[in-house]
All heavy atoms as atom14 arrays in JSON, in Angstrom:
{
  "sequence": "IEYRGYFVSGTVTAVTASMTLPAGLLTPTLPNQPWTAGPGWITA",
  "atom14_mask": [
    [1, 1, 1, 1, 1, 1, 1, 1, 0, 0, 0, 0, 0, 0],
    [1, 1, 1, 1, 1, 1, 1, 1, 1, 0, 0, 0, 0, 0],
    [1, 1, 1, 1, 1, 1, 1, 1, 1, 1, 1, 1, 0, 0],
    [1, 1, 1, 1, 1, 1, 1, 1, 1, 1, 1, 0, 0, 0],
    [1, 1, 1, 1, 0, 0, 0, 0, 0, 0, 0, 0, 0, 0],
    [1, 1, 1, 1, 1, 1, 1, 1, 1, 1, 1, 1, 0, 0],
    [1, 1, 1, 1, 1, 1, 1, 1, 1, 1, 1, 0, 0, 0],
    [1, 1, 1, 1, 1, 1, 1, 0, 0, 0, 0, 0, 0, 0],
    [1, 1, 1, 1, 1, 1, 0, 0, 0, 0, 0, 0, 0, 0],
    [1, 1, 1, 1, 0, 0, 0, 0, 0, 0, 0, 0, 0, 0],
    [1, 1, 1, 1, 1, 1, 1, 0, 0, 0, 0, 0, 0, 0],
    [1, 1, 1, 1, 1, 1, 1, 0, 0, 0, 0, 0, 0, 0],
    [1, 1, 1, 1, 1, 1, 1, 0, 0, 0, 0, 0, 0, 0],
    [1, 1, 1, 1, 1, 0, 0, 0, 0, 0, 0, 0, 0, 0],
    [1, 1, 1, 1, 1, 1, 1, 0, 0, 0, 0, 0, 0, 0],
    [1, 1, 1, 1, 1, 1, 1, 0, 0, 0, 0, 0, 0, 0],
    [1, 1, 1, 1, 1, 0, 0, 0, 0, 0, 0, 0, 0, 0],
    [1, 1, 1, 1, 1, 1, 0, 0, 0, 0, 0, 0, 0, 0],
    [1, 1, 1, 1, 1, 1, 1, 1, 0, 0, 0, 0, 0, 0],
    [1, 1, 1, 1, 1, 1, 1, 0, 0, 0, 0, 0, 0, 0],
    [1, 1, 1, 1, 1, 1, 1, 1, 0, 0, 0, 0, 0, 0],
    [1, 1, 1, 1, 1, 1, 1, 0, 0, 0, 0, 0, 0, 0],
    [1, 1, 1, 1, 1, 0, 0, 0, 0, 0, 0, 0, 0, 0],
    [1, 1, 1, 1, 0, 0, 0, 0, 0, 0, 0, 0, 0, 0],
    [1, 1, 1, 1, 1, 1, 1, 1, 0, 0, 0, 0, 0, 0],
    [1, 1, 1, 1, 1, 1, 1, 1, 0, 0, 0, 0, 0, 0],
    [1, 1, 1, 1, 1, 1, 1, 0, 0, 0, 0, 0, 0, 0],
    [1, 1, 1, 1, 1, 1, 1, 0, 0, 0, 0, 0, 0, 0],
    [1, 1, 1, 1, 1, 1, 1, 0, 0, 0, 0, 0, 0, 0],
    [1, 1, 1, 1, 1, 1, 1, 1, 0, 0, 0, 0, 0, 0],
    [1, 1, 1, 1, 1, 1, 1, 0, 0, 0, 0, 0, 0, 0],
    [1, 1, 1, 1, 1, 1, 1, 1, 0, 0, 0, 0, 0, 0],
    [1, 1, 1, 1, 1, 1, 1, 1, 1, 0, 0, 0, 0, 0],
    [1, 1, 1, 1, 1, 1, 1, 0, 0, 0, 0, 0, 0, 0],
    [1, 1, 1, 1, 1, 1, 1, 1, 1, 1, 1, 1, 1, 1],
    [1, 1, 1, 1, 1, 1, 1, 0, 0, 0, 0, 0, 0, 0],
    [1, 1, 1, 1, 1, 0, 0, 0, 0, 0, 0, 0, 0, 0],
    [1, 1, 1, 1, 0, 0, 0, 0, 0, 0, 0, 0, 0, 0],
    [1, 1, 1, 1, 1, 1, 1, 0, 0, 0, 0, 0, 0, 0],
    [1, 1, 1, 1, 0, 0, 0, 0, 0, 0, 0, 0, 0, 0],
    [1, 1, 1, 1, 1, 1, 1, 1, 1, 1, 1, 1, 1, 1],
    [1, 1, 1, 1, 1, 1, 1, 1, 0, 0, 0, 0, 0, 0],
    [1, 1, 1, 1, 1, 1, 1, 0, 0, 0, 0, 0, 0, 0],
    [1, 1, 1, 1, 1, 0, 0, 0, 0, 0, 0, 0, 0, 0]
  ],
  "atom14_positions": [
    [[-17.96, 119.85, -24.29], [-16.89, 120.14, -23.35], [-16.51, 118.81, -22.71], [-17.38, 118.02, -22.35], [-17.31, 121.17, -22.28], [-16.11, 121.52, -21.37], [-18.46, 120.69, -21.43], [-16.38, 122.67, -20.42], [0.0, 0.0, 0.0], [0.0, 0.0, 0.0], [0.0, 0.0, 0.0], [0.0, 0.0, 0.0], [0.0, 0.0, 0.0], [0.0, 0.0, 0.0]],
    [[-15.22, 118.56, -22.65], [-14.73, 117.39, -21.92], [-14.33, 117.93, -20.55], [-13.46, 118.8, -20.44], [-13.55, 116.77, -22.63], [-13.09, 115.48, -22.0], [-11.97, 114.83, -22.79], [-12.24, 114.32, -23.88], [-10.83, 114.89, -22.3], [0.0, 0.0, 0.0], [0.0, 0.0, 0.0], [0.0, 0.0, 0.0], [0.0, 0.0, 0.0], [0.0, 0.0, 0.0]],
    [[-14.97, 117.43, -19.53], [-14.85, 117.96, -18.17], [-14.38, 116.83, -17.27], [-15.05, 115.8, -17.19], [-16.23, 118.47, -17.75], [-16.29, 119.53, -16.71], [-15.37, 120.57, -16.65], [-17.31, 119.53, -15.78], [-15.47, 121.56, -15.7], [-17.42, 120.51, -14.82], [-16.5, 121.52, -14.78], [-16.59, 122.5, -13.83], [0.0, 0.0, 0.0], [0.0, 0.0, 0.0]],
    [[-13.21, 116.98, -16.64], [-12.69, 115.91, -15.82], [-11.99, 116.48, -14.6], [-11.62, 117.65, -14.57], [-11.73, 115.03, -16.6], [-10.48, 115.74, -17.04], [-9.57, 114.83, -17.88], [-8.46, 115.55, -18.42], [-7.29, 115.71, -17.83], [-7.07, 115.19, -16.65], [-6.33, 116.39, -18.41], [0.0, 0.0, 0.0], [0.0, 0.0, 0.0], [0.0, 0.0, 0.0]],
    [[-11.81, 115.62, -13.58], [-11.11, 116.09, -12.4], [-11.33, 115.2, -11.2], [-11.77, 114.05, -11.31], [0.0, 0.0, 0.0], [0.0, 0.0, 0.0], [0.0, 0.0, 0.0], [0.0, 0.0, 0.0], [0.0, 0.0, 0.0], [0.0, 0.0, 0.0], [0.0, 0.0, 0.0], [0.0, 0.0, 0.0], [0.0, 0.0, 0.0], [0.0, 0.0, 0.0]],
    [[-11.03, 115.79, -10.05], [-11.18, 115.08, -8.79], [-11.53, 116.09, -7.7], [-11.29, 117.29, -7.84], [-9.89, 114.34, -8.44], [-8.68, 115.24, -8.32], [-8.33, 115.83, -7.11], [-7.9, 115.51, -9.44], [-7.24, 116.67, -7.02], [-6.8, 116.34, -9.35], [-6.48, 116.93, -8.13], [-5.39, 117.76, -8.04], [0.0, 0.0, 0.0], [0.0, 0.0, 0.0]],
    [[-12.11, 115.59, -6.62], [-12.44, 116.42, -5.47], [-12.66, 115.53, -4.25], [-12.86, 114.33, -4.38], [-13.68, 117.29, -5.72], [-14.94, 116.51, -5.93], [-15.76, 116.16, -4.86], [-15.33, 116.12, -7.2], [-16.93, 115.44, -5.06], [-16.5, 115.41, -7.41], [-17.31, 115.06, -6.33], [0.0, 0.0, 0.0], [0.0, 0.0, 0.0], [0.0, 0.0, 0.0]],
    [[-12.6, 116.15, -3.07], [-12.92, 115.47, -1.82], [-14.11, 116.2, -1.21], [-14.08, 117.44, -1.06], [-11.72, 115.46, -0.86], [-12.11, 114.86, 0.49], [-10.56, 114.69, -1.47], [0.0, 0.0, 0.0], [0.0, 0.0, 0.0], [0.0, 0.0, 0.0], [0.0, 0.0, 0.0], [0.0, 0.0, 0.0], [0.0, 0.0, 0.0], [0.0, 0.0, 0.0]],
    [[-15.16, 115.47, -0.87], [-16.38, 116.07, -0.31], [-16.12, 116.66, 1.06], [-15.28, 116.18, 1.82], [-17.5, 115.04, -0.24], [-17.14, 113.98, 0.62], [0.0, 0.0, 0.0], [0.0, 0.0, 0.0], [0.0, 0.0, 0.0], [0.0, 0.0, 0.0], [0.0, 0.0, 0.0], [0.0, 0.0, 0.0], [0.0, 0.0, 0.0], [0.0, 0.0, 0.0]],
    [[-16.88, 117.71, 1.37], [-16.88, 118.3, 2.71], [-18.0, 117.67, 3.52], [-18.35, 116.5, 3.32], [0.0, 0.0, 0.0], [0.0, 0.0, 0.0], [0.0, 0.0, 0.0], [0.0, 0.0, 0.0], [0.0, 0.0, 0.0], [0.0, 0.0, 0.0], [0.0, 0.0, 0.0], [0.0, 0.0, 0.0], [0.0, 0.0, 0.0], [0.0, 0.0, 0.0]],
    [[-18.6, 118.45, 4.42], [-19.73, 117.97, 5.21], [-20.97, 117.99, 4.34], [-21.46, 119.07, 3.97], [-19.92, 118.85, 6.46], [-18.71, 118.84, 7.21], [-21.06, 118.32, 7.32], [0.0, 0.0, 0.0], [0.0, 0.0, 0.0], [0.0, 0.0, 0.0], [0.0, 0.0, 0.0], [0.0, 0.0, 0.0], [0.0, 0.0, 0.0], [0.0, 0.0, 0.0]],
    [[-21.48, 116.82, 3.98], [-22.59, 116.72, 3.04], [-23.9, 117.17, 3.68], [-24.07, 117.12, 4.89], [-22.72, 115.29, 2.48], [-21.5, 114.93, 1.66], [-22.94, 114.28, 3.57], [0.0, 0.0, 0.0], [0.0, 0.0, 0.0], [0.0, 0.0, 0.0], [0.0, 0.0, 0.0], [0.0, 0.0, 0.0], [0.0, 0.0, 0.0], [0.0, 0.0, 0.0]],
    [[-24.83, 117.61, 2.8], [-26.14, 118.08, 3.25], [-27.24, 117.4, 2.45], [-26.98, 116.79, 1.41], [-26.26, 119.61, 3.1], [-26.07, 119.95, 1.72], [-25.22, 120.33, 3.96], [0.0, 0.0, 0.0], [0.0, 0.0, 0.0], [0.0, 0.0, 0.0], [0.0, 0.0, 0.0], [0.0, 0.0, 0.0], [0.0, 0.0, 0.0], [0.0, 0.0, 0.0]],
    [[-28.47, 117.56, 2.89], [-29.61, 116.91, 2.26], [-30.22, 117.79, 1.17], [-31.42, 118.04, 1.14], [-30.65, 116.55, 3.31], [0.0, 0.0, 0.0], [0.0, 0.0, 0.0], [0.0, 0.0, 0.0], [0.0, 0.0, 0.0], [0.0, 0.0, 0.0], [0.0, 0.0, 0.0], [0.0, 0.0, 0.0], [0.0, 0.0, 0.0], [0.0, 0.0, 0.0]],
    [[-29.38, 118.28, 0.25], [-29.82, 118.97, -0.96], [-29.18, 118.26, -2.15], [-28.2, 117.53, -1.99], [-29.47, 120.48, -0.96], [-30.17, 121.2, 0.18], [-27.98, 120.69, -0.88], [0.0, 0.0, 0.0], [0.0, 0.0, 0.0], [0.0, 0.0, 0.0], [0.0, 0.0, 0.0], [0.0, 0.0, 0.0], [0.0, 0.0, 0.0], [0.0, 0.0, 0.0]],
    [[-29.71, 118.45, -3.34], [-29.23, 117.75, -4.52], [-27.73, 117.98, -4.73], [-27.27, 119.11, -4.73], [-30.0, 118.21, -5.77], [-31.39, 117.98, -5.55], [-29.55, 117.47, -7.0], [0.0, 0.0, 0.0], [0.0, 0.0, 0.0], [0.0, 0.0, 0.0], [0.0, 0.0, 0.0], [0.0, 0.0, 0.0], [0.0, 0.0, 0.0], [0.0, 0.0, 0.0]],
    [[-27.0, 116.89, -4.9], [-25.55, 116.96, -5.12], [-25.29, 117.37, -6.57], [-25.78, 116.72, -7.5], [-24.91, 115.61, -4.83], [0.0, 0.0, 0.0], [0.0, 0.0, 0.0], [0.0, 0.0, 0.0], [0.0, 0.0, 0.0], [0.0, 0.0, 0.0], [0.0, 0.0, 0.0], [0.0, 0.0, 0.0], [0.0, 0.0, 0.0], [0.0, 0.0, 0.0]],
    [[-24.52, 118.45, -6.76], [-24.25, 118.92, -8.11], [-23.0, 119.77, -8.14], [-22.48, 120.17, -7.1], [-25.43, 119.74, -8.65], [-25.58, 120.93, -7.9], [0.0, 0.0, 0.0], [0.0, 0.0, 0.0], [0.0, 0.0, 0.0], [0.0, 0.0, 0.0], [0.0, 0.0, 0.0], [0.0, 0.0, 0.0], [0.0, 0.0, 0.0], [0.0, 0.0, 0.0]],
    [[-22.54, 120.04, -9.37], [-21.46, 121.0, -9.59], [-21.75, 121.76, -10.87], [-22.45, 121.27, -11.76], [-20.1, 120.31, -9.65], [-19.84, 119.49, -10.86], [-18.17, 118.81, -10.77], [-18.23, 117.77, -12.22], [0.0, 0.0, 0.0], [0.0, 0.0, 0.0], [0.0, 0.0, 0.0], [0.0, 0.0, 0.0], [0.0, 0.0, 0.0], [0.0, 0.0, 0.0]],
    [[-21.2, 122.96, -10.96], [-21.47, 123.81, -12.11], [-20.46, 123.55, -13.23], [-19.35, 123.08, -13.0], [-21.38, 125.3, -11.73], [-20.09, 125.57, -11.19], [-22.46, 125.68, -10.73], [0.0, 0.0, 0.0], [0.0, 0.0, 0.0], [0.0, 0.0, 0.0], [0.0, 0.0, 0.0], [0.0, 0.0, 0.0], [0.0, 0.0, 0.0], [0.0, 0.0, 0.0]],
    [[-20.88, 123.87, -14.43], [-20.0, 123.91, -15.59], [-19.21, 125.22, -15.54], [-19.54, 126.12, -14.76], [-20.82, 123.86, -16.88], [-21.57, 122.57, -17.17], [-22.51, 122.75, -18.35], [-20.6, 121.45, -17.42], [0.0, 0.0, 0.0], [0.0, 0.0, 0.0], [0.0, 0.0, 0.0], [0.0, 0.0, 0.0], [0.0, 0.0, 0.0], [0.0, 0.0, 0.0]],
    [[-18.16, 125.36, -16.35], [-17.44, 126.63, -16.39], [-18.38, 127.8, -16.7], [-19.4, 127.64, -17.38], [-16.43, 126.42, -17.52], [-16.18, 124.95, -17.51], [-17.52, 124.34, -17.2], [0.0, 0.0, 0.0], [0.0, 0.0, 0.0], [0.0, 0.0, 0.0], [0.0, 0.0, 0.0], [0.0, 0.0, 0.0], [0.0, 0.0, 0.0], [0.0, 0.0, 0.0]],
    [[-18.04, 128.97, -16.19], [-18.87, 130.17, -16.31], [-19.29, 130.42, -17.76], [-18.48, 130.32, -18.68], [-18.12, 131.38, -15.77], [0.0, 0.0, 0.0], [0.0, 0.0, 0.0], [0.0, 0.0, 0.0], [0.0, 0.0, 0.0], [0.0, 0.0, 0.0], [0.0, 0.0, 0.0], [0.0, 0.0, 0.0], [0.0, 0.0, 0.0], [0.0, 0.0, 0.0]],
    [[-20.57, 130.74, -17.94], [-21.1, 131.11, -19.25], [-21.52, 129.95, -20.13], [-22.05, 130.17, -21.21], [0.0, 0.0, 0.0], [0.0, 0.0, 0.0], [0.0, 0.0, 0.0], [0.0, 0.0, 0.0], [0.0, 0.0, 0.0], [0.0, 0.0, 0.0], [0.0, 0.0, 0.0], [0.0, 0.0, 0.0], [0.0, 0.0, 0.0], [0.0, 0.0, 0.0]],
    [[-21.3, 128.72, -19.7], [-21.67, 127.56, -20.52], [-22.98, 126.95, -20.03], [-23.19, 126.8, -18.84], [-20.57, 126.49, -20.48], [-19.19, 126.93, -20.97], [-18.24, 125.75, -20.94], [-19.27, 127.53, -22.37], [0.0, 0.0, 0.0], [0.0, 0.0, 0.0], [0.0, 0.0, 0.0], [0.0, 0.0, 0.0], [0.0, 0.0, 0.0], [0.0, 0.0, 0.0]],
    [[-23.85, 126.61, -20.98], [-25.13, 125.98, -20.68], [-25.31, 124.75, -21.55], [-24.82, 124.7, -22.68], [-26.29, 126.94, -20.97], [-26.38, 128.21, -20.15], [-27.51, 129.09, -20.68], [-26.59, 127.9, -18.69], [0.0, 0.0, 0.0], [0.0, 0.0, 0.0], [0.0, 0.0, 0.0], [0.0, 0.0, 0.0], [0.0, 0.0, 0.0], [0.0, 0.0, 0.0]],
    [[-26.05, 123.79, -21.03], [-26.42, 122.64, -21.84], [-27.49, 123.09, -22.85], [-28.2, 124.06, -22.6], [-26.99, 121.5, -20.98], [-28.15, 121.97, -20.28], [-25.95, 121.0, -19.99], [0.0, 0.0, 0.0], [0.0, 0.0, 0.0], [0.0, 0.0, 0.0], [0.0, 0.0, 0.0], [0.0, 0.0, 0.0], [0.0, 0.0, 0.0], [0.0, 0.0, 0.0]],
    [[-27.6, 122.42, -23.99], [-28.63, 122.79, -24.96], [-30.01, 122.33, -24.51], [-30.15, 121.66, -23.49], [-28.18, 122.04, -26.22], [-27.45, 120.85, -25.7], [-26.77, 121.3, -24.43], [0.0, 0.0, 0.0], [0.0, 0.0, 0.0], [0.0, 0.0, 0.0], [0.0, 0.0, 0.0], [0.0, 0.0, 0.0], [0.0, 0.0, 0.0], [0.0, 0.0, 0.0]],
    [[-31.0, 122.68, -25.31], [-32.33, 122.13, -25.08], [-32.27, 120.65, -25.41], [-31.9, 120.27, -26.52], [-33.38, 122.83, -25.95], [-33.36, 124.22, -25.63], [-34.76, 122.24, -25.73], [0.0, 0.0, 0.0], [0.0, 0.0, 0.0], [0.0, 0.0, 0.0], [0.0, 0.0, 0.0], [0.0, 0.0, 0.0], [0.0, 0.0, 0.0], [0.0, 0.0, 0.0]],
    [[-32.58, 119.83, -24.45], [-32.46, 118.38, -24.61], [-33.82, 117.77, -24.89], [-34.81, 118.17, -24.28], [-31.85, 117.77, -23.34], [-30.47, 118.33, -22.98], [-30.08, 117.92, -21.57], [-29.43, 117.85, -23.98], [0.0, 0.0, 0.0], [0.0, 0.0, 0.0], [0.0, 0.0, 0.0], [0.0, 0.0, 0.0], [0.0, 0.0, 0.0], [0.0, 0.0, 0.0]],
    [[-33.9, 116.79, -25.8], [-35.19, 116.23, -26.18], [-35.86, 115.44, -25.07], [-37.07, 115.43, -24.97], [-34.86, 115.32, -27.36], [-33.41, 115.01, -27.21], [-32.8, 116.19, -26.53], [0.0, 0.0, 0.0], [0.0, 0.0, 0.0], [0.0, 0.0, 0.0], [0.0, 0.0, 0.0], [0.0, 0.0, 0.0], [0.0, 0.0, 0.0], [0.0, 0.0, 0.0]],
    [[-35.1, 114.76, -24.27], [-35.64, 113.99, -23.16], [-34.88, 114.35, -21.9], [-33.67, 114.46, -21.92], [-35.48, 112.49, -23.42], [-36.25, 112.03, -24.63], [-37.44, 112.25, -24.71], [-35.56, 111.44, -25.58], [0.0, 0.0, 0.0], [0.0, 0.0, 0.0], [0.0, 0.0, 0.0], [0.0, 0.0, 0.0], [0.0, 0.0, 0.0], [0.0, 0.0, 0.0]],
    [[-35.61, 114.56, -20.83], [-34.96, 114.9, -19.57], [-35.33, 113.88, -18.52], [-36.43, 113.38, -18.55], [-35.42, 116.28, -19.1], [-34.97, 117.39, -20.02], [-35.25, 118.74, -19.41], [-34.81, 119.03, -18.32], [-36.01, 119.55, -20.12], [0.0, 0.0, 0.0], [0.0, 0.0, 0.0], [0.0, 0.0, 0.0], [0.0, 0.0, 0.0], [0.0, 0.0, 0.0]],
    [[-34.48, 113.58, -17.57], [-33.09, 114.0, -17.53], [-32.25, 113.22, -18.54], [-32.67, 112.16, -18.99], [-32.66, 113.66, -16.1], [-33.54, 112.54, -15.71], [-34.85, 112.75, -16.42], [0.0, 0.0, 0.0], [0.0, 0.0, 0.0], [0.0, 0.0, 0.0], [0.0, 0.0, 0.0], [0.0, 0.0, 0.0], [0.0, 0.0, 0.0], [0.0, 0.0, 0.0]],
    [[-31.09, 113.74, -18.85], [-30.2, 113.15, -19.84], [-28.89, 112.84, -19.16], [-28.31, 113.7, -18.5], [-30.0, 114.14, -20.98], [-29.19, 113.65, -22.12], [-29.62, 112.82, -23.12], [-27.84, 113.96, -22.42], [-28.6, 112.6, -24.02], [-27.5, 113.28, -23.6], [-26.88, 114.73, -21.8], [-26.24, 113.38, -24.17], [-25.62, 114.83, -22.35], [-25.31, 114.15, -23.54]],
    [[-28.4, 111.63, -19.29], [-27.14, 111.26, -18.65], [-25.98, 111.81, -19.46], [-25.92, 111.63, -20.67], [-27.01, 109.74, -18.52], [-28.13, 109.26, -17.76], [-25.73, 109.34, -17.82], [0.0, 0.0, 0.0], [0.0, 0.0, 0.0], [0.0, 0.0, 0.0], [0.0, 0.0, 0.0], [0.0, 0.0, 0.0], [0.0, 0.0, 0.0], [0.0, 0.0, 0.0]],
    [[-25.09, 112.52, -18.79], [-23.9, 113.07, -19.44], [-23.02, 111.92, -19.87], [-22.6, 111.11, -19.06], [-23.14, 113.97, -18.47], [0.0, 0.0, 0.0], [0.0, 0.0, 0.0], [0.0, 0.0, 0.0], [0.0, 0.0, 0.0], [0.0, 0.0, 0.0], [0.0, 0.0, 0.0], [0.0, 0.0, 0.0], [0.0, 0.0, 0.0], [0.0, 0.0, 0.0]],
    [[-22.79, 111.8, -21.17], [-22.03, 110.64, -21.58], [-21.17, 110.92, -22.78], [-21.46, 111.82, -23.55], [0.0, 0.0, 0.0], [0.0, 0.0, 0.0], [0.0, 0.0, 0.0], [0.0, 0.0, 0.0], [0.0, 0.0, 0.0], [0.0, 0.0, 0.0], [0.0, 0.0, 0.0], [0.0, 0.0, 0.0], [0.0, 0.0, 0.0], [0.0, 0.0, 0.0]],
    [[-20.1, 110.19, -22.96], [-19.69, 109.2, -21.98], [-19.25, 109.89, -20.7], [-18.66, 110.96, -20.75], [-18.51, 108.5, -22.65], [-17.98, 109.5, -23.63], [-19.16, 110.31, -24.08], [0.0, 0.0, 0.0], [0.0, 0.0, 0.0], [0.0, 0.0, 0.0], [0.0, 0.0, 0.0], [0.0, 0.0, 0.0], [0.0, 0.0, 0.0], [0.0, 0.0, 0.0]],
    [[-19.58, 109.31, -19.57], [-19.2, 109.96, -18.34], [-19.41, 109.07, -17.13], [-20.14, 108.1, -17.19], [0.0, 0.0, 0.0], [0.0, 0.0, 0.0], [0.0, 0.0, 0.0], [0.0, 0.0, 0.0], [0.0, 0.0, 0.0], [0.0, 0.0, 0.0], [0.0, 0.0, 0.0], [0.0, 0.0, 0.0], [0.0, 0.0, 0.0], [0.0, 0.0, 0.0]],
    [[-18.75, 109.45, -16.06], [-18.87, 108.7, -14.82], [-18.32, 109.51, -13.66], [-17.56, 110.45, -13.84], [-18.13, 107.36, -14.89], [-16.75, 107.46, -15.49], [-16.42, 107.18, -16.79], [-15.55, 107.89, -14.87], [-15.08, 107.41, -16.99], [-14.51, 107.85, -15.83], [-15.23, 108.31, -13.58], [-13.2, 108.21, -15.55], [-13.91, 108.67, -13.31], [-12.91, 108.61, -14.27]],
    [[-18.76, 109.16, -12.48], [-18.22, 109.7, -11.23], [-17.95, 108.47, -10.38], [-18.82, 107.61, -10.23], [-19.25, 110.58, -10.49], [-19.82, 111.64, -11.41], [-18.64, 111.18, -9.23], [-21.07, 112.3, -10.87], [0.0, 0.0, 0.0], [0.0, 0.0, 0.0], [0.0, 0.0, 0.0], [0.0, 0.0, 0.0], [0.0, 0.0, 0.0], [0.0, 0.0, 0.0]],
    [[-16.78, 108.36, -9.82], [-16.48, 107.2, -8.99], [-15.66, 107.6, -7.78], [-14.87, 108.54, -7.84], [-15.75, 106.1, -9.8], [-15.63, 104.94, -9.01], [-14.39, 106.55, -10.25], [0.0, 0.0, 0.0], [0.0, 0.0, 0.0], [0.0, 0.0, 0.0], [0.0, 0.0, 0.0], [0.0, 0.0, 0.0], [0.0, 0.0, 0.0], [0.0, 0.0, 0.0]],
    [[-15.88, 106.9, -6.67], [-15.09, 107.14, -5.47], [-13.67, 106.68, -5.71], [-13.43, 105.75, -6.48], [-15.7, 106.4, -4.28], [0.0, 0.0, 0.0], [0.0, 0.0, 0.0], [0.0, 0.0, 0.0], [0.0, 0.0, 0.0], [0.0, 0.0, 0.0], [0.0, 0.0, 0.0], [0.0, 0.0, 0.0], [0.0, 0.0, 0.0], [0.0, 0.0, 0.0]]
  ]
}
């Protein structure tokens, strides 16, 4: 899945920062964890 977009953060909290994939989609079993989503990036 090619997943792209933009957002503006709200009031941040001290829990792991994350976002979900579209409903019903899961990553496969990965040989090494954690695995960097690539090619990919998040930038301010």
